[in-house]
Structures are given as C-alpha cells and as structure tokens.
C-alpha atoms as a PDB file:
ATOM      1  CA  MET A   1     143.220  -7.742  54.503  1.00  0.00           C
ATOM      2  CA  LEU A   2     144.469  -4.758  55.255  1.00  0.00           C
ATOM      3  CA  ARG A   3     144.863  -3.829  51.496  1.00  0.00           C
ATOM      4  CA  VAL A   4     144.429  -5.414  47.983  1.00  0.00           C
ATOM      5  CA  ASP A   5     146.058  -4.829  45.050  1.00  0.00           C
ATOM      6  CA  ARG A   6     146.152  -6.743  41.371  1.00  0.00           C
ATOM      7  CA  ARG A   7     147.580  -9.661  43.086  1.00  0.00           C
ATOM      8  CA  THR A   8     148.391  -9.354  46.852  1.00  0.00           C
ATOM      9  CA  ALA A   9     146.902  -8.882  50.113  1.00  0.00           C
ATOM     10  CA  THR A  10     148.391  -7.683  52.662  1.00  0.00           C
ATOM     11  CA  VAL A  11     147.195  -9.228  55.504  1.00  0.00           C
ATOM     12  CA  VAL A  12     147.823  -9.358  59.881  1.00  0.00           C
ATOM     13  CA  LYS A  13     148.439 -13.114  61.251  1.00  0.00           C
ATOM     14  CA  ILE A  14     145.971 -14.290  63.004  1.00  0.00           C
ATOM     15  CA  THR A  15     146.763 -16.959  65.907  1.00  0.00           C
ATOM     16  CA  SER A  16     145.830 -19.071  68.396  1.00  0.00           C
ATOM     17  CA  LYS A  17     148.579 -18.918  70.351  1.00  0.00           C
ATOM     18  CA  HIS A  18     148.669 -15.300  72.579  1.00  0.00           C
ATOM     19  CA  HIS A  19     152.216 -13.436  72.363  1.00  0.00           C
ATOM     20  CA  ALA A  20     151.907 -11.102  74.857  1.00  0.00           C
ATOM     21  CA  GLU A  21     155.487 -10.392  74.630  1.00  0.00           C
ATOM     22  CA  ARG A  22     154.808  -9.576  71.413  1.00  0.00           C
ATOM     23  CA  PRO A  23     153.785  -5.533  70.412  1.00  0.00           C
ATOM     24  CA  GLY A  24     150.327  -4.947  68.914  1.00  0.00           C
ATOM     25  CA  VAL A  25     148.777  -8.526  69.315  1.00  0.00           C
ATOM     26  CA  LEU A  26     145.289  -8.087  69.884  1.00  0.00           C
ATOM     27  CA  ALA A  27     142.236  -9.939  71.246  1.00  0.00           C
ATOM     28  CA  LEU A  28     140.057 -11.422  68.307  1.00  0.00           C
ATOM     29  CA  PRO A  29     136.389 -11.963  69.689  1.00  0.00           C
ATOM     30  CA  PRO A  30     135.491 -15.186  70.601  1.00  0.00           C
ATOM     31  CA  GLY A  31     134.488 -17.304  67.139  1.00  0.00           C
ATOM     32  CA  THR A  32     135.396 -14.369  65.065  1.00  0.00           C
ATOM     33  CA  VAL A  33     137.773 -16.797  62.715  1.00  0.00           C
ATOM     34  CA  GLY A  34     135.118 -19.206  62.101  1.00  0.00           C
ATOM     35  CA  ASP A  35     136.030 -21.593  65.047  1.00  0.00           C
ATOM     36  CA  GLN A  36     132.731 -23.455  65.669  1.00  0.00           C
ATOM     37  CA  GLN A  37     134.403 -24.137  69.325  1.00  0.00           C
ATOM     38  CA  GLY A  38     134.783 -20.257  70.047  1.00  0.00           C
ATOM     39  CA  ARG A  39     138.225 -20.935  71.029  1.00  0.00           C
ATOM     40  CA  ALA A  40     140.118 -17.397  71.346  1.00  0.00           C
ATOM     41  CA  SER A  41     142.487 -16.167  68.416  1.00  0.00           C
ATOM     42  CA  TRP A  42     144.488 -13.327  68.148  1.00  0.00           C
ATOM     43  CA  LEU A  43     146.042 -11.208  65.522  1.00  0.00           C
ATOM     44  CA  GLU A  44     149.601  -9.836  65.499  1.00  0.00           C
ATOM     45  CA  THR A  45     149.711  -6.741  64.211  1.00  0.00           C
ATOM     46  CA  ASP A  46     153.562  -5.698  64.105  1.00  0.00           C
ATOM     47  CA  GLU A  47     154.466  -7.984  61.236  1.00  0.00           C
ATOM     48  CA  LEU A  48     152.299  -6.902  58.373  1.00  0.00           C
ATOM     49  CA  ARG A  49     152.606 -10.096  55.365  1.00  0.00           C
ATOM     50  CA  GLU A  50     151.987  -9.939  51.504  1.00  0.00           C
ATOM     51  CA  VAL A  51     150.460 -12.935  50.207  1.00  0.00           C
ATOM     52  CA  PRO A  52     149.401 -13.549  46.934  1.00  0.00           C
ATOM     53  CA  LEU A  53     145.355 -14.003  46.361  1.00  0.00           C
ATOM     54  CA  SER A  54     146.044 -16.990  44.713  1.00  0.00           C
ATOM     55  CA  ASP A  55     146.361 -18.180  48.469  1.00  0.00           C
ATOM     56  CA  PHE A  56     144.180 -17.905  49.693  1.00  0.00           C
ATOM     57  CA  ARG A  57     141.917 -20.527  50.462  1.00  0.00           C
ATOM     58  CA  ARG A  58     138.477 -19.364  52.399  1.00  0.00           C
ATOM     59  CA  ARG A  59     137.218 -16.732  53.761  1.00  0.00           C
ATOM     60  CA  VAL A  60     136.760 -15.940  57.549  1.00  0.00           C
ATOM     61  CA  GLY A  61     134.197 -13.105  57.274  1.00  0.00           C
ATOM     62  CA  PRO A  62     133.783  -9.516  58.811  1.00  0.00           C
ATOM     63  CA  VAL A  63     135.336  -8.093  61.288  1.00  0.00           C
ATOM     64  CA  ASP A  64     133.261  -6.114  63.788  1.00  0.00           C
ATOM     65  CA  ALA A  65     133.662  -2.400  63.358  1.00  0.00           C
ATOM     66  CA  GLN A  66     135.528  -1.974  67.191  1.00  0.00           C
ATOM     67  CA  THR A  67     137.946  -4.874  66.301  1.00  0.00           C
ATOM     68  CA  TRP A  68     138.342  -3.576  62.688  1.00  0.00           C
ATOM     69  CA  ALA A  69     138.825   0.534  64.920  1.00  0.00           C
ATOM     70  CA  ARG A  70     141.612  -0.774  66.981  1.00  0.00           C
ATOM     71  CA  THR A  71     143.603  -2.771  64.107  1.00  0.00           C
ATOM     72  CA  GLN A  72     143.581   0.418  62.611  1.00  0.00           C
ATOM     73  CA  ARG A  73     145.193   2.551  64.514  1.00  0.00           C
ATOM     74  CA  ALA A  74     147.798  -0.359  65.927  1.00  0.00           C
ATOM     75  CA  VAL A  75     149.038  -1.157  62.461  1.00  0.00           C
ATOM     76  CA  ARG A  76     149.980   2.805  61.561  1.00  0.00           C
END
C-alpha cells in the first residue's frame, strides 16, 4: 500500500508475469508475496490502483527497505 485514506488504499499491482515492455516494472525478492515456492513476482509501478479497504482479503507482509525505496522512487 502506498497510501490509505478512510475508505480506500492506493496500491501497486503485483504480478507473477514479467512484462519487460512496461515502464517501471520492479522485481520483488523471491517469496516476498507469501509464495511458499519462492517464485518470482514483479511490481507494475506504472499503473496505480485505488482499492476499497473492504476488498483486502489478506496481508501479504512487509517489503524490505531497499525494495520499498525503489518503489517510492518509481511512483513519483
């Protein structure tokens, strides 16, 4: 989550498919999104989404400081 207000959160899409043609695609460290098999995942920072807080099903967990800093720079 990048931002949260009373009813929504601004998020970055997490995907298991690498789309190198898209700007702002960042690799996540293996296992970051709770995948027990440690498969690769990517953030697509070029398309932010507003999601109602009631739509969140589970917490994936924190991201390391280096990945968070790269994400913040990419979405500015």
